[in-house]
Amino acid sequence: MTEPTSQERTHTPASTSERITTEQVAKVAKLARLRLTDEELTRFTGQLGDVLEHAADLDLLDLEGVEPMAQPIPLANVFRKDVPGPILDRDEVLAVAPAAEDGFFRVPPVLGESE
């Protein structure tokens, strides 16, 4: 079975409740580890329903012959050439560091590590 073309599609707007339910939004929130109040859940269900409705509207566009693209404007690398330059003296740099130990910068411990 082939998918209908955009001209064959008909727009039948669905209500927000037909697009997504409060229970589905609650499940996604739980998976994302978000705690939502009942008011937030209701508000976000409506907002997400609106987004899904707009996506359905875009599905109606005639895109025959339109090439898919990831970027509307060509990107160019703006980095400079990696050219070696003068280096800093280790002892001078470590002398002005907030904390140094055995020739290295001393930094606070990372989460879960003890000093």
PDB file of N, CA and C in Angstrom:
ATOM      1  N   MET A   1       0.852  -1.183   0.000  1.00  0.00           N
ATOM      2  CA  MET A   1       0.000   0.000   0.000  1.00  0.00           C
ATOM      3  C   MET A   1       0.892   1.238   0.000  1.00  0.00           C
ATOM      4  N   THR A   2       0.602   2.177  -0.869  1.00  0.00           N
ATOM      5  CA  THR A   2       1.403   3.393  -0.938  1.00  0.00           C
ATOM      6  C   THR A   2       0.747   4.489  -0.112  1.00  0.00           C
ATOM      7  N   GLU A   3       1.583   5.398   0.339  1.00  0.00           N
ATOM      8  CA  GLU A   3       1.094   6.525   1.134  1.00  0.00           C
ATOM      9  C   GLU A   3       0.431   7.537   0.212  1.00  0.00           C
ATOM     10  N   PRO A   4      -0.687   8.126   0.621  1.00  0.00           N
ATOM     11  CA  PRO A   4      -1.366   9.092  -0.248  1.00  0.00           C
ATOM     12  C   PRO A   4      -0.509  10.327  -0.468  1.00  0.00           C
ATOM     13  N   THR A   5      -0.659  10.920  -1.646  1.00  0.00           N
ATOM     14  CA  THR A   5       0.053  12.166  -1.915  1.00  0.00           C
ATOM     15  C   THR A   5      -0.613  13.282  -1.133  1.00  0.00           C
ATOM     16  N   SER A   6       0.057  14.430  -1.087  1.00  0.00           N
ATOM     17  CA  SER A   6      -0.493  15.544  -0.327  1.00  0.00           C
ATOM     18  C   SER A   6      -1.822  16.014  -0.897  1.00  0.00           C
ATOM     19  N   GLN A   7      -2.035  15.849  -2.222  1.00  0.00           N
ATOM     20  CA  GLN A   7      -3.313  16.255  -2.801  1.00  0.00           C
ATOM     21  C   GLN A   7      -4.431  15.296  -2.403  1.00  0.00           C
ATOM     22  N   GLU A   8      -4.093  14.037  -2.133  1.00  0.00           N
ATOM     23  CA  GLU A   8      -5.093  13.046  -1.758  1.00  0.00           C
ATOM     24  C   GLU A   8      -5.455  13.127  -0.280  1.00  0.00           C
ATOM     25  N   ARG A   9      -4.597  13.747   0.506  1.00  0.00           N
ATOM     26  CA  ARG A   9      -4.861  13.862   1.934  1.00  0.00           C
ATOM     27  C   ARG A   9      -5.961  14.876   2.176  1.00  0.00           C
ATOM     28  N   THR A  10      -6.742  14.610   3.183  1.00  0.00           N
ATOM     29  CA  THR A  10      -7.749  15.591   3.579  1.00  0.00           C
ATOM     30  C   THR A  10      -7.469  15.990   5.002  1.00  0.00           C
ATOM     31  N   HIS A  11      -7.694  17.253   5.275  1.00  0.00           N
ATOM     32  CA  HIS A  11      -7.419  17.772   6.615  1.00  0.00           C
ATOM     33  C   HIS A  11      -8.656  17.582   7.484  1.00  0.00           C
ATOM     34  N   THR A  12      -8.498  16.745   8.508  1.00  0.00           N
ATOM     35  CA  THR A  12      -9.568  16.576   9.486  1.00  0.00           C
ATOM     36  C   THR A  12      -8.978  16.936  10.830  1.00  0.00           C
ATOM     37  N   PRO A  13      -9.145  18.193  11.247  1.00  0.00           N
ATOM     38  CA  PRO A  13      -8.525  18.612  12.491  1.00  0.00           C
ATOM     39  C   PRO A  13      -9.033  17.788  13.655  1.00  0.00           C
ATOM     40  N   ALA A  14      -8.094  17.341  14.458  1.00  0.00           N
ATOM     41  CA  ALA A  14      -8.439  16.566  15.642  1.00  0.00           C
ATOM     42  C   ALA A  14      -8.325  17.464  16.849  1.00  0.00           C
ATOM     43  N   SER A  15      -9.153  17.200  17.817  1.00  0.00           N
ATOM     44  CA  SER A  15      -9.051  17.991  19.039  1.00  0.00           C
ATOM     45  C   SER A  15      -7.800  17.574  19.781  1.00  0.00           C
ATOM     46  N   THR A  16      -7.382  18.416  20.708  1.00  0.00           N
ATOM     47  CA  THR A  16      -6.190  18.134  21.495  1.00  0.00           C
ATOM     48  C   THR A  16      -6.306  16.783  22.182  1.00  0.00           C
ATOM     49  N   SER A  17      -7.498  16.454  22.675  1.00  0.00           N
ATOM     50  CA  SER A  17      -7.660  15.196  23.392  1.00  0.00           C
ATOM     51  C   SER A  17      -7.483  13.996  22.468  1.00  0.00           C
ATOM     52  N   GLU A  18      -7.736  14.166  21.154  1.00  0.00           N
ATOM     53  CA  GLU A  18      -7.514  13.080  20.217  1.00  0.00           C
ATOM     54  C   GLU A  18      -6.038  12.950  19.849  1.00  0.00           C
ATOM     55  N   ARG A  19      -5.291  14.031  19.946  1.00  0.00           N
ATOM     56  CA  ARG A  19      -3.873  14.004  19.600  1.00  0.00           C
ATOM     57  C   ARG A  19      -3.020  13.374  20.700  1.00  0.00           C
ATOM     58  N   ILE A  20      -3.253  13.776  21.922  1.00  0.00           N
ATOM     59  CA  ILE A  20      -2.445  13.289  23.042  1.00  0.00           C
ATOM     60  C   ILE A  20      -3.262  13.413  24.321  1.00  0.00           C
ATOM     61  N   THR A  21      -3.073  12.459  25.191  1.00  0.00           N
ATOM     62  CA  THR A  21      -3.832  12.466  26.438  1.00  0.00           C
ATOM     63  C   THR A  21      -2.973  12.954  27.593  1.00  0.00           C
ATOM     64  N   THR A  22      -3.649  13.351  28.648  1.00  0.00           N
ATOM     65  CA  THR A  22      -2.939  13.774  29.857  1.00  0.00           C
ATOM     66  C   THR A  22      -2.091  12.622  30.390  1.00  0.00           C
ATOM     67  N   GLU A  23      -2.601  11.403  30.272  1.00  0.00           N
ATOM     68  CA  GLU A  23      -1.853  10.233  30.742  1.00  0.00           C
ATOM     69  C   GLU A  23      -0.563  10.047  29.946  1.00  0.00           C
ATOM     70  N   GLN A  24      -0.616  10.296  28.636  1.00  0.00           N
ATOM     71  CA  GLN A  24       0.593  10.180  27.821  1.00  0.00           C
ATOM     72  C   GLN A  24       1.611  11.248  28.205  1.00  0.00           C
ATOM     73  N   VAL A  25       1.147  12.459  28.440  1.00  0.00           N
ATOM     74  CA  VAL A  25       2.056  13.533  28.856  1.00  0.00           C
ATOM     75  C   VAL A  25       2.647  13.194  30.221  1.00  0.00           C
ATOM     76  N   ALA A  26       1.852  12.657  31.125  1.00  0.00           N
ATOM     77  CA  ALA A  26       2.340  12.272  32.453  1.00  0.00           C
ATOM     78  C   ALA A  26       3.409  11.188  32.327  1.00  0.00           C
ATOM     79  N   LYS A  27       3.211  10.247  31.416  1.00  0.00           N
ATOM     80  CA  LYS A  27       4.199   9.173  31.221  1.00  0.00           C
ATOM     81  C   LYS A  27       5.520   9.737  30.702  1.00  0.00           C
ATOM     82  N   VAL A  28       5.426  10.643  29.725  1.00  0.00           N
ATOM     83  CA  VAL A  28       6.646  11.261  29.180  1.00  0.00           C
ATOM     84  C   VAL A  28       7.348  12.073  30.265  1.00  0.00           C
ATOM     85  N   ALA A  29       6.575  12.802  31.069  1.00  0.00           N
ATOM     86  CA  ALA A  29       7.154  13.594  32.161  1.00  0.00           C
ATOM     87  C   ALA A  29       7.874  12.680  33.145  1.00  0.00           C
ATOM     88  N   LYS A  30       7.269  11.545  33.450  1.00  0.00           N
ATOM     89  CA  LYS A  30       7.902  10.602  34.376  1.00  0.00           C
ATOM     90  C   LYS A  30       9.205  10.060  33.801  1.00  0.00           C
ATOM     91  N   LEU A  31       9.192   9.719  32.501  1.00  0.00           N
ATOM     92  CA  LEU A  31      10.406   9.224  31.846  1.00  0.00           C
ATOM     93  C   LEU A  31      11.510  10.282  31.837  1.00  0.00           C
ATOM     94  N   ALA A  32      11.100  11.544  31.750  1.00  0.00           N
ATOM     95  CA  ALA A  32      12.059  12.653  31.764  1.00  0.00           C
ATOM     96  C   ALA A  32      12.390  13.089  33.186  1.00  0.00           C
ATOM     97  N   ARG A  33      11.818  12.382  34.151  1.00  0.00           N
ATOM     98  CA  ARG A  33      12.035  12.680  35.574  1.00  0.00           C
ATOM     99  C   ARG A  33      11.605  14.097  35.936  1.00  0.00           C
ATOM    100  N   LEU A  34      10.446  14.477  35.401  1.00  0.00           N
ATOM    101  CA  LEU A  34       9.869  15.785  35.700  1.00  0.00           C
ATOM    102  C   LEU A  34       8.673  15.596  36.620  1.00  0.00           C
ATOM    103  N   ARG A  35       8.597  16.404  37.652  1.00  0.00           N
ATOM    104  CA  ARG A  35       7.416  16.412  38.516  1.00  0.00           C
ATOM    105  C   ARG A  35       6.528  17.563  38.080  1.00  0.00           C
ATOM    106  N   LEU A  36       5.342  17.231  37.598  1.00  0.00           N
ATOM    107  CA  LEU A  36       4.420  18.255  37.130  1.00  0.00           C
ATOM    108  C   LEU A  36       3.203  18.309  38.041  1.00  0.00           C
ATOM    109  N   THR A  37       2.760  19.517  38.312  1.00  0.00           N
ATOM    110  CA  THR A  37       1.512  19.676  39.055  1.00  0.00           C
ATOM    111  C   THR A  37       0.358  19.355  38.107  1.00  0.00           C
ATOM    112  N   ASP A  38      -0.834  19.174  38.651  1.00  0.00           N
ATOM    113  CA  ASP A  38      -2.004  18.910  37.807  1.00  0.00           C
ATOM    114  C   ASP A  38      -2.241  20.068  36.833  1.00  0.00           C
ATOM    115  N   GLU A  39      -2.018  21.282  37.309  1.00  0.00           N
ATOM    116  CA  GLU A  39      -2.197  22.464  36.451  1.00  0.00           C
ATOM    117  C   GLU A  39      -1.181  22.451  35.306  1.00  0.00           C
ATOM    118  N   GLU A  40       0.072  22.129  35.614  1.00  0.00           N
ATOM    119  CA  GLU A  40       1.102  22.062  34.575  1.00  0.00           C
ATOM    120  C   GLU A  40       0.793  20.943  33.586  1.00  0.00           C
ATOM    121  N   LEU A  41       0.348  19.813  34.090  1.00  0.00           N
ATOM    122  CA  LEU A  41       0.021  18.675  33.236  1.00  0.00           C
ATOM    123  C   LEU A  41      -1.090  19.042  32.255  1.00  0.00           C
ATOM    124  N   THR A  42      -2.097  19.717  32.736  1.00  0.00           N
ATOM    125  CA  THR A  42      -3.194  20.151  31.870  1.00  0.00           C
ATOM    126  C   THR A  42      -2.694  21.158  30.839  1.00  0.00           C
ATOM    127  N   ARG A  43      -1.914  22.132  31.285  1.00  0.00           N
ATOM    128  CA  ARG A  43      -1.398  23.163  30.381  1.00  0.00           C
ATOM    129  C   ARG A  43      -0.485  22.548  29.318  1.00  0.00           C
ATOM    130  N   PHE A  44       0.437  21.663  29.729  1.00  0.00           N
ATOM    131  CA  PHE A  44       1.381  21.074  28.787  1.00  0.00           C
ATOM    132  C   PHE A  44       0.687  20.111  27.822  1.00  0.00           C
ATOM    133  N   THR A  45      -0.368  19.448  28.275  1.00  0.00           N
ATOM    134  CA  THR A  45      -1.120  18.575  27.369  1.00  0.00           C
ATOM    135  C   THR A  45      -1.728  19.412  26.249  1.00  0.00           C
ATOM    136  N   GLY A  46      -2.316  20.556  26.594  1.00  0.00           N
ATOM    137  CA  GLY A  46      -2.867  21.447  25.574  1.00  0.00           C
ATOM    138  C   GLY A  46      -1.808  21.973  24.638  1.00  0.00           C
ATOM    139  N   GLN A  47      -0.671  22.387  25.198  1.00  0.00           N
ATOM    140  CA  GLN A  47       0.401  22.937  24.369  1.00  0.00           C
ATOM    141  C   GLN A  47       0.972  21.882  23.433  1.00  0.00           C
ATOM    142  N   LEU A  48       1.198  20.679  23.948  1.00  0.00           N
ATOM    143  CA  LEU A  48       1.740  19.617  23.101  1.00  0.00           C
ATOM    144  C   LEU A  48       0.724  19.204  22.042  1.00  0.00           C
ATOM    145  N   GLY A  49      -0.550  19.216  22.396  1.00  0.00           N
ATOM    146  CA  GLY A  49      -1.590  18.939  21.408  1.00  0.00           C
ATOM    147  C   GLY A  49      -1.567  19.957  20.280  1.00  0.00           C
ATOM    148  N   ASP A  50      -1.352  21.225  20.626  1.00  0.00           N
ATOM    149  CA  ASP A  50      -1.257  22.275  19.607  1.00  0.00           C
ATOM    150  C   ASP A  50      -0.062  22.044  18.687  1.00  0.00           C
ATOM    151  N   VAL A  51       1.058  21.640  19.254  1.00  0.00           N
ATOM    152  CA  VAL A  51       2.256  21.361  18.451  1.00  0.00           C
ATOM    153  C   VAL A  51       1.979  20.201  17.499  1.00  0.00           C
ATOM    154  N   LEU A  52       1.355  19.141  18.010  1.00  0.00           N
ATOM    155  CA  LEU A  52       1.048  17.986  17.166  1.00  0.00           C
ATOM    156  C   LEU A  52       0.055  18.345  16.065  1.00  0.00           C
ATOM    157  N   GLU A  53      -0.884  19.213  16.377  1.00  0.00           N
ATOM    158  CA  GLU A  53      -1.847  19.660  15.371  1.00  0.00           C
ATOM    159  C   GLU A  53      -1.134  20.449  14.272  1.00  0.00           C
ATOM    160  N   HIS A  54      -0.191  21.299  14.656  1.00  0.00           N
ATOM    161  CA  HIS A  54       0.573  22.055  13.658  1.00  0.00           C
ATOM    162  C   HIS A  54       1.404  21.102  12.797  1.00  0.00           C
ATOM    163  N   ALA A  55       1.992  20.077  13.408  1.00  0.00           N
ATOM    164  CA  ALA A  55       2.765  19.100  12.635  1.00  0.00           C
ATOM    165  C   ALA A  55       1.863  18.386  11.636  1.00  0.00           C
ATOM    166  N   ALA A  56       0.629  18.099  12.022  1.00  0.00           N
ATOM    167  CA  ALA A  56      -0.318  17.471  11.105  1.00  0.00           C
ATOM    168  C   ALA A  56      -0.649  18.422   9.953  1.00  0.00           C
ATOM    169  N   ASP A  57      -0.745  19.720  10.232  1.00  0.00           N
ATOM    170  CA  ASP A  57      -0.986  20.705   9.176  1.00  0.00           C
ATOM    171  C   ASP A  57       0.169  20.700   8.171  1.00  0.00           C
ATOM    172  N   LEU A  58       1.386  20.581   8.668  1.00  0.00           N
ATOM    173  CA  LEU A  58       2.551  20.556   7.778  1.00  0.00           C
ATOM    174  C   LEU A  58       2.536  19.312   6.898  1.00  0.00           C
ATOM    175  N   ASP A  59       1.945  18.245   7.403  1.00  0.00           N
ATOM    176  CA  ASP A  59       1.852  17.001   6.653  1.00  0.00           C
ATOM    177  C   ASP A  59       0.998  17.171   5.399  1.00  0.00           C
ATOM    178  N   LEU A  60       0.158  18.196   5.362  1.00  0.00           N
ATOM    179  CA  LEU A  60      -0.724  18.431   4.226  1.00  0.00           C
ATOM    180  C   LEU A  60      -0.043  19.170   3.070  1.00  0.00           C
ATOM    181  N   LEU A  61       1.144  19.695   3.290  1.00  0.00           N
ATOM    182  CA  LEU A  61       1.823  20.469   2.248  1.00  0.00           C
ATOM    183  C   LEU A  61       2.249  19.581   1.086  1.00  0.00           C
ATOM    184  N   ASP A  62       2.174  20.117  -0.117  1.00  0.00           N
ATOM    185  CA  ASP A  62       2.630  19.404  -1.309  1.00  0.00           C
ATOM    186  C   ASP A  62       4.146  19.576  -1.406  1.00  0.00           C
ATOM    187  N   LEU A  63       4.872  18.525  -1.110  1.00  0.00           N
ATOM    188  CA  LEU A  63       6.331  18.587  -1.114  1.00  0.00           C
ATOM    189  C   LEU A  63       6.927  17.784  -2.270  1.00  0.00           C
ATOM    190  N   GLU A  64       6.108  17.524  -3.257  1.00  0.00           N
ATOM    191  CA  GLU A  64       6.576  16.796  -4.435  1.00  0.00           C
ATOM    192  C   GLU A  64       7.727  17.556  -5.083  1.00  0.00           C
ATOM    193  N   GLY A  65       8.861  16.911  -5.247  1.00  0.00           N
ATOM    194  CA  GLY A  65      10.011  17.528  -5.888  1.00  0.00           C
ATOM    195  C   GLY A  65      10.859  18.394  -4.970  1.00  0.00           C
ATOM    196  N   VAL A  66      10.487  18.517  -3.712  1.00  0.00           N
ATOM    197  CA  VAL A  66      11.278  19.316  -2.776  1.00  0.00           C
ATOM    198  C   VAL A  66      12.335  18.408  -2.152  1.00  0.00           C
ATOM    199  N   GLU A  67      13.577  18.784  -2.322  1.00  0.00           N
ATOM    200  CA  GLU A  67      14.675  17.984  -1.771  1.00  0.00           C
ATOM    201  C   GLU A  67      14.761  18.158  -0.261  1.00  0.00           C
ATOM    202  N   PRO A  68      14.929  17.078   0.486  1.00  0.00           N
ATOM    203  CA  PRO A  68      15.114  17.198   1.940  1.00  0.00           C
ATOM    204  C   PRO A  68      16.411  17.952   2.237  1.00  0.00           C
ATOM    205  N   MET A  69      16.403  18.706   3.320  1.00  0.00           N
ATOM    206  CA  MET A  69      17.610  19.445   3.691  1.00  0.00           C
ATOM    207  C   MET A  69      17.740  19.462   5.213  1.00  0.00           C
ATOM    208  N   ALA A  70      18.956  19.564   5.669  1.00  0.00           N
ATOM    209  CA  ALA A  70      19.206  19.668   7.096  1.00  0.00           C
ATOM    210  C   ALA A  70      19.512  21.101   7.495  1.00  0.00           C
ATOM    211  N   GLN A  71      19.974  21.903   6.528  1.00  0.00           N
ATOM    212  CA  GLN A  71      20.397  23.267   6.812  1.00  0.00           C
ATOM    213  C   GLN A  71      19.975  24.164   5.655  1.00  0.00           C
ATOM    214  N   PRO A  72      19.226  25.226   5.906  1.00  0.00           N
ATOM    215  CA  PRO A  72      18.794  26.080   4.798  1.00  0.00           C
ATOM    216  C   PRO A  72      19.907  26.928   4.201  1.00  0.00           C
ATOM    217  N   ILE A  73      20.943  27.184   4.971  1.00  0.00           N
ATOM    218  CA  ILE A  73      22.055  28.016   4.507  1.00  0.00           C
ATOM    219  C   ILE A  73      23.321  27.171   4.592  1.00  0.00           C
ATOM    220  N   PRO A  74      24.132  27.131   3.542  1.00  0.00           N
ATOM    221  CA  PRO A  74      25.366  26.336   3.599  1.00  0.00           C
ATOM    222  C   PRO A  74      26.268  26.803   4.750  1.00  0.00           C
ATOM    223  N   LEU A  75      26.836  25.841   5.433  1.00  0.00           N
ATOM    224  CA  LEU A  75      27.733  26.160   6.543  1.00  0.00           C
ATOM    225  C   LEU A  75      29.180  26.160   6.058  1.00  0.00           C
ATOM    226  N   ALA A  76      30.001  26.999   6.674  1.00  0.00           N
ATOM    227  CA  ALA A  76      31.426  27.050   6.353  1.00  0.00           C
ATOM    228  C   ALA A  76      32.204  26.992   7.650  1.00  0.00           C
ATOM    229  N   ASN A  77      33.320  26.304   7.617  1.00  0.00           N
ATOM    230  CA  ASN A  77      34.176  26.201   8.787  1.00  0.00           C
ATOM    231  C   ASN A  77      34.863  27.549   9.010  1.00  0.00           C
ATOM    232  N   VAL A  78      34.693  28.117  10.197  1.00  0.00           N
ATOM    233  CA  VAL A  78      35.265  29.428  10.477  1.00  0.00           C
ATOM    234  C   VAL A  78      36.450  29.336  11.442  1.00  0.00           C
ATOM    235  N   PHE A  79      36.942  28.127  11.660  1.00  0.00           N
ATOM    236  CA  PHE A  79      38.080  27.979  12.547  1.00  0.00           C
ATOM    237  C   PHE A  79      39.364  28.442  11.872  1.00  0.00           C
ATOM    238  N   ARG A  80      40.265  28.948  12.672  1.00  0.00           N
ATOM    239  CA  ARG A  80      41.549  29.364  12.140  1.00  0.00           C
ATOM    240  C   ARG A  80      42.456  28.145  11.953  1.00  0.00           C
ATOM    241  N   LYS A  81      43.511  28.308  11.224  1.00  0.00           N
ATOM    242  CA  LYS A  81      44.497  27.238  11.053  1.00  0.00           C
ATOM    243  C   LYS A  81      45.137  26.941  12.406  1.00  0.00           C
ATOM    244  N   ASP A  82      45.443  25.682  12.636  1.00  0.00           N
ATOM    245  CA  ASP A  82      46.083  25.267  13.876  1.00  0.00           C
ATOM    246  C   ASP A  82      47.596  25.408  13.704  1.00  0.00           C
ATOM    247  N   VAL A  83      48.099  26.588  14.074  1.00  0.00           N
ATOM    248  CA  VAL A  83      49.512  26.896  13.890  1.00  0.00           C
ATOM    249  C   VAL A  83      50.169  27.007  15.261  1.00  0.00           C
ATOM    250  N   PRO A  84      51.257  26.267  15.493  1.00  0.00           N
ATOM    251  CA  PRO A  84      51.939  26.378  16.789  1.00  0.00           C
ATOM    252  C   PRO A  84      52.446  27.801  17.018  1.00  0.00           C
ATOM    253  N   GLY A  85      52.336  28.252  18.257  1.00  0.00           N
ATOM    254  CA  GLY A  85      52.812  29.577  18.618  1.00  0.00           C
ATOM    255  C   GLY A  85      53.680  29.484  19.857  1.00  0.00           C
ATOM    256  N   PRO A  86      54.008  30.608  20.433  1.00  0.00           N
ATOM    257  CA  PRO A  86      54.836  30.577  21.631  1.00  0.00           C
ATOM    258  C   PRO A  86      54.090  29.882  22.777  1.00  0.00           C
ATOM    259  N   ILE A  87      54.842  29.151  23.574  1.00  0.00           N
ATOM    260  CA  ILE A  87      54.227  28.439  24.694  1.00  0.00           C
ATOM    261  C   ILE A  87      54.524  29.167  25.999  1.00  0.00           C
ATOM    262  N   LEU A  88      53.690  28.918  26.980  1.00  0.00           N
ATOM    263  CA  LEU A  88      53.877  29.513  28.295  1.00  0.00           C
ATOM    264  C   LEU A  88      54.805  28.647  29.133  1.00  0.00           C
ATOM    265  N   ASP A  89      55.574  29.283  29.991  1.00  0.00           N
ATOM    266  CA  ASP A  89      56.459  28.558  30.888  1.00  0.00           C
ATOM    267  C   ASP A  89      55.613  27.923  32.006  1.00  0.00           C
ATOM    268  N   ARG A  90      55.776  26.618  32.214  1.00  0.00           N
ATOM    269  CA  ARG A  90      54.983  25.885  33.200  1.00  0.00           C
ATOM    270  C   ARG A  90      55.114  26.489  34.598  1.00  0.00           C
ATOM    271  N   ASP A  91      56.312  26.785  35.028  1.00  0.00           N
ATOM    272  CA  ASP A  91      56.509  27.314  36.386  1.00  0.00           C
ATOM    273  C   ASP A  91      55.846  28.679  36.568  1.00  0.00           C
ATOM    274  N   GLU A  92      55.892  29.529  35.531  1.00  0.00           N
ATOM    275  CA  GLU A  92      55.241  30.838  35.618  1.00  0.00           C
ATOM    276  C   GLU A  92      53.724  30.693  35.714  1.00  0.00           C
ATOM    277  N   VAL A  93      53.159  29.779  34.929  1.00  0.00           N
ATOM    278  CA  VAL A  93      51.712  29.573  34.949  1.00  0.00           C
ATOM    279  C   VAL A  93      51.280  29.008  36.294  1.00  0.00           C
ATOM    280  N   LEU A  94      51.983  27.992  36.775  1.00  0.00           N
ATOM    281  CA  LEU A  94      51.623  27.371  38.049  1.00  0.00           C
ATOM    282  C   LEU A  94      51.817  28.339  39.215  1.00  0.00           C
ATOM    283  N   ALA A  95      52.723  29.296  39.063  1.00  0.00           N
ATOM    284  CA  ALA A  95      52.962  30.263  40.141  1.00  0.00           C
ATOM    285  C   ALA A  95      51.752  31.170  40.354  1.00  0.00           C
ATOM    286  N   VAL A  96      50.957  31.412  39.313  1.00  0.00           N
ATOM    287  CA  VAL A  96      49.786  32.277  39.459  1.00  0.00           C
ATOM    288  C   VAL A  96      48.483  31.477  39.550  1.00  0.00           C
ATOM    289  N   ALA A  97      48.577  30.144  39.566  1.00  0.00           N
ATOM    290  CA  ALA A  97      47.378  29.302  39.676  1.00  0.00           C
ATOM    291  C   ALA A  97      46.823  29.377  41.087  1.00  0.00           C
ATOM    292  N   PRO A  98      45.498  29.267  41.245  1.00  0.00           N
ATOM    293  CA  PRO A  98      44.903  29.278  42.586  1.00  0.00           C
ATOM    294  C   PRO A  98      45.440  28.150  43.461  1.00  0.00           C
ATOM    295  N   ALA A  99      45.702  26.976  42.850  1.00  0.00           N
ATOM    296  CA  ALA A  99      46.251  25.846  43.603  1.00  0.00           C
ATOM    297  C   ALA A  99      47.046  24.972  42.642  1.00  0.00           C
ATOM    298  N   ALA A 100      48.222  24.551  43.067  1.00  0.00           N
ATOM    299  CA  ALA A 100      49.068  23.676  42.262  1.00  0.00           C
ATOM    300  C   ALA A 100      49.666  22.615  43.173  1.00  0.00           C
ATOM    301  N   GLU A 101      49.941  21.460  42.585  1.00  0.00           N
ATOM    302  CA  GLU A 101      50.510  20.363  43.365  1.00  0.00           C
ATOM    303  C   GLU A 101      51.322  19.470  42.433  1.00  0.00           C
ATOM    304  N   ASP A 102      52.569  19.220  42.750  1.00  0.00           N
ATOM    305  CA  ASP A 102      53.455  18.335  41.988  1.00  0.00           C
ATOM    306  C   ASP A 102      53.518  18.693  40.502  1.00  0.00           C
ATOM    307  N   GLY A 103      53.529  19.986  40.181  1.00  0.00           N
ATOM    308  CA  GLY A 103      53.664  20.424  38.803  1.00  0.00           C
ATOM    309  C   GLY A 103      52.371  20.426  38.008  1.00  0.00           C
ATOM    310  N   PHE A 104      51.227  20.273  38.686  1.00  0.00           N
ATOM    311  CA  PHE A 104      49.920  20.269  38.015  1.00  0.00           C
ATOM    312  C   PHE A 104      48.978  21.231  38.709  1.00  0.00           C
ATOM    313  N   PHE A 105      47.915  21.630  37.998  1.00  0.00           N
ATOM    314  CA  PHE A 105      46.865  22.416  38.629  1.00  0.00           C
ATOM    315  C   PHE A 105      46.112  21.520  39.601  1.00  0.00           C
ATOM    316  N   ARG A 106      45.789  22.034  40.763  1.00  0.00           N
ATOM    317  CA  ARG A 106      44.941  21.300  41.713  1.00  0.00           C
ATOM    318  C   ARG A 106      43.532  21.839  41.553  1.00  0.00           C
ATOM    319  N   VAL A 107      42.592  20.914  41.315  1.00  0.00           N
ATOM    320  CA  VAL A 107      41.199  21.299  41.112  1.00  0.00           C
ATOM    321  C   VAL A 107      40.333  20.595  42.147  1.00  0.00           C
ATOM    322  N   PRO A 108      39.137  21.116  42.405  1.00  0.00           N
ATOM    323  CA  PRO A 108      38.243  20.449  43.354  1.00  0.00           C
ATOM    324  C   PRO A 108      37.886  19.054  42.853  1.00  0.00           C
ATOM    325  N   PRO A 109      37.577  18.152  43.782  1.00  0.00           N
ATOM    326  CA  PRO A 109      37.228  16.797  43.362  1.00  0.00           C
ATOM    327  C   PRO A 109      35.937  16.783  42.535  1.00  0.00           C
ATOM    328  N   VAL A 110      35.844  15.817  41.661  1.00  0.00           N
ATOM    329  CA  VAL A 110      34.651  15.620  40.839  1.00  0.00           C
ATOM    330  C   VAL A 110      33.626  14.872  41.680  1.00  0.00           C
ATOM    331  N   LEU A 111      32.345  15.037  41.357  1.00  0.00           N
ATOM    332  CA  LEU A 111      31.298  14.376  42.110  1.00  0.00           C
ATOM    333  C   LEU A 111      31.602  12.893  42.317  1.00  0.00           C
ATOM    334  N   GLY A 112      31.434  12.418  43.527  1.00  0.00           N
ATOM    335  CA  GLY A 112      31.635  11.002  43.819  1.00  0.00           C
ATOM    336  C   GLY A 112      33.061  10.637  44.161  1.00  0.00           C
ATOM    337  N   GLU A 113      33.993  11.575  44.042  1.00  0.00           N
ATOM    338  CA  GLU A 113      35.394  11.292  44.381  1.00  0.00           C
ATOM    339  C   GLU A 113      35.712  11.956  45.713  1.00  0.00           C
ATOM    340  N   SER A 114      36.562  11.304  46.467  1.00  0.00           N
ATOM    341  CA  SER A 114      36.995  11.922  47.730  1.00  0.00           C
ATOM    342  C   SER A 114      38.359  12.559  47.518  1.00  0.00           C
ATOM    343  N   GLU A 115      38.684  13.501  48.384  1.00  0.00           N
ATOM    344  CA  GLU A 115      39.968  14.220  48.211  1.00  0.00           C
ATOM    345  C   GLU A 115      41.130  13.359  48.573  1.00  0.00           C
TER     346      GLU A 115
END
